[in-house]
Amino acid sequence: METRTTGYRVFPYLTRIKVPNRWQLAEREIAEIFDVKLSDLLQPDAHSKRIEHFHTWQEPQPVSSYQVGSYRLWGLSYRILHPIISAAYGGRVGRMSRRKAFVGKA
Protein backbone atom coordinates (compact mmCIF):
# COMPACT_ATOMS: atom_id res chain seq x y z
CA MET A 1 0.00 0.00 0.00
CA GLU A 2 1.41 3.41 -0.93
CA THR A 3 0.96 6.64 0.96
CA ARG A 4 -0.85 9.27 -1.07
CA THR A 5 1.44 12.20 -0.26
CA THR A 6 4.96 10.75 0.04
CA GLY A 7 4.75 7.61 -2.09
CA TYR A 8 6.18 5.45 0.69
CA ARG A 9 5.20 1.80 0.49
CA VAL A 10 3.82 0.23 3.65
CA PHE A 11 3.18 -3.48 4.10
CA PRO A 12 0.59 -3.77 6.89
CA TYR A 13 -0.08 -7.01 8.69
CA LEU A 14 -2.49 -8.01 11.40
CA THR A 15 -1.20 -9.57 14.58
CA ARG A 16 -2.03 -9.94 18.23
CA ILE A 17 0.36 -8.37 20.72
CA LYS A 18 0.76 -8.52 24.46
CA VAL A 19 0.09 -5.02 25.73
CA PRO A 20 3.08 -3.81 27.74
CA ASN A 21 2.72 -2.20 31.15
CA ARG A 22 4.26 0.94 29.68
CA TRP A 23 4.59 1.90 26.02
CA GLN A 24 7.91 3.26 24.77
CA LEU A 25 7.38 5.93 22.14
CA ALA A 26 9.63 6.56 19.19
CA GLU A 27 9.24 10.29 19.86
CA ARG A 28 10.42 11.35 16.40
CA GLU A 29 7.57 9.35 14.82
CA ILE A 30 4.79 8.93 17.38
CA ALA A 31 3.22 11.94 19.08
CA GLU A 32 0.75 10.06 21.26
CA ILE A 33 -0.85 6.69 21.95
CA PHE A 34 -4.56 6.50 22.73
CA ASP A 35 -7.14 3.75 23.21
CA VAL A 36 -9.75 3.25 20.53
CA LYS A 37 -12.73 0.99 21.06
CA LEU A 38 -13.65 -0.94 17.96
CA SER A 39 -17.28 -0.23 18.79
CA ASP A 40 -16.51 3.51 18.41
CA LEU A 41 -15.22 2.93 14.88
CA LEU A 42 -18.37 0.98 14.02
CA GLN A 43 -20.69 3.87 14.94
CA PRO A 44 -22.37 5.41 11.85
CA ASP A 45 -21.33 8.92 12.83
CA ALA A 46 -17.66 7.93 13.29
CA HIS A 47 -17.08 7.67 9.54
CA SER A 48 -16.77 10.90 7.55
CA LYS A 49 -15.18 12.54 4.52
CA ARG A 50 -13.78 15.99 4.04
CA ILE A 51 -11.89 17.77 1.30
CA GLU A 52 -8.13 17.95 1.89
CA HIS A 53 -5.30 19.44 -0.12
CA PHE A 54 -1.61 18.61 0.18
CA HIS A 55 1.27 20.13 -1.76
CA THR A 56 1.93 16.83 -3.54
CA TRP A 57 -1.65 16.65 -4.87
CA GLN A 58 -2.66 18.45 -8.04
CA GLU A 59 -6.09 19.32 -6.64
CA PRO A 60 -8.13 18.93 -3.44
CA GLN A 61 -9.61 15.47 -2.90
CA PRO A 62 -12.13 13.89 -0.52
CA VAL A 63 -10.41 12.06 2.34
CA SER A 64 -12.24 9.47 4.47
CA SER A 65 -11.65 9.23 8.20
CA TYR A 66 -12.88 7.92 11.53
CA GLN A 67 -13.62 10.52 14.19
CA VAL A 68 -13.27 9.23 17.75
CA GLY A 69 -13.73 11.97 20.32
CA SER A 70 -11.18 14.67 19.50
CA TYR A 71 -9.07 12.24 17.45
CA ARG A 72 -9.26 11.80 13.69
CA LEU A 73 -7.92 8.55 12.20
CA TRP A 74 -7.29 9.26 8.53
CA GLY A 75 -4.79 8.81 5.72
CA LEU A 76 -2.86 5.58 5.67
CA SER A 77 -4.18 4.61 9.13
CA TYR A 78 -7.74 4.79 7.78
CA ARG A 79 -6.84 3.00 4.54
CA ILE A 80 -5.34 0.13 6.54
CA LEU A 81 -8.11 -0.13 9.17
CA HIS A 82 -11.24 0.38 7.06
CA PRO A 83 -10.96 -2.73 4.83
CA ILE A 84 -10.14 -4.92 7.84
CA ILE A 85 -13.09 -3.62 9.84
CA SER A 86 -15.43 -3.87 6.83
CA ALA A 87 -14.35 -7.44 6.08
CA ALA A 88 -14.53 -8.57 9.71
CA TYR A 89 -17.79 -6.90 10.67
CA GLY A 90 -19.56 -6.21 7.40
CA GLY A 91 -21.27 -3.15 8.90
CA ARG A 92 -22.56 -4.98 11.95
CA VAL A 93 -21.38 -4.72 15.52
CA GLY A 94 -19.94 -8.02 16.68
CA ARG A 95 -17.51 -8.98 19.42
CA MET A 96 -15.78 -5.78 20.52
CA SER A 97 -12.25 -5.31 21.77
CA ARG A 98 -9.89 -2.43 22.61
CA ARG A 99 -7.01 -1.57 20.33
CA LYS A 100 -4.24 1.01 20.49
CA ALA A 101 -3.93 3.67 17.81
CA PHE A 102 -0.70 5.46 17.09
CA VAL A 103 -0.84 9.12 16.12
CA GLY A 104 2.11 10.15 13.97
CA LYS A 105 3.78 13.51 14.20
CA ALA A 106 3.09 15.84 11.29
C-alpha atoms as a PDB file:
ATOM      1  CA  MET A   1       0.000   0.000   0.000  1.00  0.00           C
ATOM      2  CA  GLU A   2       1.412   3.410  -0.933  1.00  0.00           C
ATOM      3  CA  THR A   3       0.960   6.636   0.956  1.00  0.00           C
ATOM      4  CA  ARG A   4      -0.851   9.273  -1.068  1.00  0.00           C
ATOM      5  CA  THR A   5       1.444  12.200  -0.257  1.00  0.00           C
ATOM      6  CA  THR A   6       4.960  10.751   0.036  1.00  0.00           C
ATOM      7  CA  GLY A   7       4.748   7.608  -2.093  1.00  0.00           C
ATOM      8  CA  TYR A   8       6.178   5.445   0.691  1.00  0.00           C
ATOM      9  CA  ARG A   9       5.201   1.800   0.493  1.00  0.00           C
ATOM     10  CA  VAL A  10       3.816   0.228   3.655  1.00  0.00           C
ATOM     11  CA  PHE A  11       3.183  -3.476   4.101  1.00  0.00           C
ATOM     12  CA  PRO A  12       0.591  -3.768   6.891  1.00  0.00           C
ATOM     13  CA  TYR A  13      -0.080  -7.013   8.690  1.00  0.00           C
ATOM     14  CA  LEU A  14      -2.487  -8.011  11.401  1.00  0.00           C
ATOM     15  CA  THR A  15      -1.199  -9.572  14.584  1.00  0.00           C
ATOM     16  CA  ARG A  16      -2.030  -9.939  18.232  1.00  0.00           C
ATOM     17  CA  ILE A  17       0.355  -8.369  20.723  1.00  0.00           C
ATOM     18  CA  LYS A  18       0.755  -8.524  24.464  1.00  0.00           C
ATOM     19  CA  VAL A  19       0.086  -5.016  25.734  1.00  0.00           C
ATOM     20  CA  PRO A  20       3.083  -3.811  27.736  1.00  0.00           C
ATOM     21  CA  ASN A  21       2.716  -2.195  31.151  1.00  0.00           C
ATOM     22  CA  ARG A  22       4.256   0.936  29.681  1.00  0.00           C
ATOM     23  CA  TRP A  23       4.586   1.901  26.021  1.00  0.00           C
ATOM     24  CA  GLN A  24       7.913   3.259  24.768  1.00  0.00           C
ATOM     25  CA  LEU A  25       7.379   5.934  22.143  1.00  0.00           C
ATOM     26  CA  ALA A  26       9.625   6.559  19.186  1.00  0.00           C
ATOM     27  CA  GLU A  27       9.243  10.286  19.860  1.00  0.00           C
ATOM     28  CA  ARG A  28      10.419  11.351  16.400  1.00  0.00           C
ATOM     29  CA  GLU A  29       7.569   9.350  14.824  1.00  0.00           C
ATOM     30  CA  ILE A  30       4.787   8.931  17.382  1.00  0.00           C
ATOM     31  CA  ALA A  31       3.220  11.936  19.077  1.00  0.00           C
ATOM     32  CA  GLU A  32       0.752  10.060  21.265  1.00  0.00           C
ATOM     33  CA  ILE A  33      -0.850   6.686  21.946  1.00  0.00           C
ATOM     34  CA  PHE A  34      -4.560   6.501  22.732  1.00  0.00           C
ATOM     35  CA  ASP A  35      -7.142   3.753  23.212  1.00  0.00           C
ATOM     36  CA  VAL A  36      -9.753   3.248  20.531  1.00  0.00           C
ATOM     37  CA  LYS A  37     -12.734   0.989  21.057  1.00  0.00           C
ATOM     38  CA  LEU A  38     -13.649  -0.938  17.960  1.00  0.00           C
ATOM     39  CA  SER A  39     -17.285  -0.233  18.792  1.00  0.00           C
ATOM     40  CA  ASP A  40     -16.507   3.510  18.413  1.00  0.00           C
ATOM     41  CA  LEU A  41     -15.220   2.928  14.882  1.00  0.00           C
ATOM     42  CA  LEU A  42     -18.370   0.983  14.015  1.00  0.00           C
ATOM     43  CA  GLN A  43     -20.692   3.867  14.935  1.00  0.00           C
ATOM     44  CA  PRO A  44     -22.375   5.407  11.852  1.00  0.00           C
ATOM     45  CA  ASP A  45     -21.331   8.924  12.827  1.00  0.00           C
ATOM     46  CA  ALA A  46     -17.659   7.930  13.294  1.00  0.00           C
ATOM     47  CA  HIS A  47     -17.080   7.674   9.543  1.00  0.00           C
ATOM     48  CA  SER A  48     -16.774  10.898   7.547  1.00  0.00           C
ATOM     49  CA  LYS A  49     -15.180  12.536   4.519  1.00  0.00           C
ATOM     50  CA  ARG A  50     -13.780  15.992   4.040  1.00  0.00           C
ATOM     51  CA  ILE A  51     -11.889  17.775   1.304  1.00  0.00           C
ATOM     52  CA  GLU A  52      -8.131  17.945   1.889  1.00  0.00           C
ATOM     53  CA  HIS A  53      -5.299  19.443  -0.120  1.00  0.00           C
ATOM     54  CA  PHE A  54      -1.607  18.614   0.183  1.00  0.00           C
ATOM     55  CA  HIS A  55       1.270  20.128  -1.756  1.00  0.00           C
ATOM     56  CA  THR A  56       1.930  16.831  -3.535  1.00  0.00           C
ATOM     57  CA  TRP A  57      -1.650  16.651  -4.870  1.00  0.00           C
ATOM     58  CA  GLN A  58      -2.656  18.454  -8.038  1.00  0.00           C
ATOM     59  CA  GLU A  59      -6.086  19.325  -6.644  1.00  0.00           C
ATOM     60  CA  PRO A  60      -8.131  18.931  -3.443  1.00  0.00           C
ATOM     61  CA  GLN A  61      -9.610  15.468  -2.896  1.00  0.00           C
ATOM     62  CA  PRO A  62     -12.132  13.890  -0.520  1.00  0.00           C
ATOM     63  CA  VAL A  63     -10.405  12.064   2.338  1.00  0.00           C
ATOM     64  CA  SER A  64     -12.236   9.474   4.466  1.00  0.00           C
ATOM     65  CA  SER A  65     -11.647   9.231   8.202  1.00  0.00           C
ATOM     66  CA  TYR A  66     -12.885   7.921  11.525  1.00  0.00           C
ATOM     67  CA  GLN A  67     -13.623  10.521  14.185  1.00  0.00           C
ATOM     68  CA  VAL A  68     -13.268   9.228  17.751  1.00  0.00           C
ATOM     69  CA  GLY A  69     -13.727  11.972  20.316  1.00  0.00           C
ATOM     70  CA  SER A  70     -11.183  14.674  19.498  1.00  0.00           C
ATOM     71  CA  TYR A  71      -9.071  12.242  17.448  1.00  0.00           C
ATOM     72  CA  ARG A  72      -9.260  11.799  13.693  1.00  0.00           C
ATOM     73  CA  LEU A  73      -7.917   8.550  12.197  1.00  0.00           C
ATOM     74  CA  TRP A  74      -7.285   9.257   8.532  1.00  0.00           C
ATOM     75  CA  GLY A  75      -4.793   8.809   5.721  1.00  0.00           C
ATOM     76  CA  LEU A  76      -2.856   5.580   5.673  1.00  0.00           C
ATOM     77  CA  SER A  77      -4.183   4.614   9.132  1.00  0.00           C
ATOM     78  CA  TYR A  78      -7.741   4.791   7.784  1.00  0.00           C
ATOM     79  CA  ARG A  79      -6.836   3.002   4.542  1.00  0.00           C
ATOM     80  CA  ILE A  80      -5.340   0.133   6.544  1.00  0.00           C
ATOM     81  CA  LEU A  81      -8.113  -0.126   9.172  1.00  0.00           C
ATOM     82  CA  HIS A  82     -11.244   0.378   7.056  1.00  0.00           C
ATOM     83  CA  PRO A  83     -10.964  -2.734   4.828  1.00  0.00           C
ATOM     84  CA  ILE A  84     -10.139  -4.922   7.837  1.00  0.00           C
ATOM     85  CA  ILE A  85     -13.093  -3.621   9.836  1.00  0.00           C
ATOM     86  CA  SER A  86     -15.431  -3.872   6.830  1.00  0.00           C
ATOM     87  CA  ALA A  87     -14.346  -7.445   6.082  1.00  0.00           C
ATOM     88  CA  ALA A  88     -14.528  -8.570   9.707  1.00  0.00           C
ATOM     89  CA  TYR A  89     -17.794  -6.902  10.666  1.00  0.00           C
ATOM     90  CA  GLY A  90     -19.560  -6.212   7.399  1.00  0.00           C
ATOM     91  CA  GLY A  91     -21.270  -3.150   8.901  1.00  0.00           C
ATOM     92  CA  ARG A  92     -22.556  -4.981  11.954  1.00  0.00           C
ATOM     93  CA  VAL A  93     -21.385  -4.718  15.523  1.00  0.00           C
ATOM     94  CA  GLY A  94     -19.938  -8.017  16.675  1.00  0.00           C
ATOM     95  CA  ARG A  95     -17.515  -8.981  19.418  1.00  0.00           C
ATOM     96  CA  MET A  96     -15.784  -5.779  20.525  1.00  0.00           C
ATOM     97  CA  SER A  97     -12.248  -5.306  21.774  1.00  0.00           C
ATOM     98  CA  ARG A  98      -9.890  -2.428  22.608  1.00  0.00           C
ATOM     99  CA  ARG A  99      -7.012  -1.571  20.331  1.00  0.00           C
ATOM    100  CA  LYS A 100      -4.241   1.006  20.487  1.00  0.00           C
ATOM    101  CA  ALA A 101      -3.930   3.669  17.813  1.00  0.00           C
ATOM    102  CA  PHE A 102      -0.701   5.460  17.093  1.00  0.00           C
ATOM    103  CA  VAL A 103      -0.838   9.123  16.121  1.00  0.00           C
ATOM    104  CA  GLY A 104       2.114  10.148  13.967  1.00  0.00           C
ATOM    105  CA  LYS A 105       3.784  13.513  14.199  1.00  0.00           C
ATOM    106  CA  ALA A 106       3.086  15.836  11.287  1.00  0.00           C
END
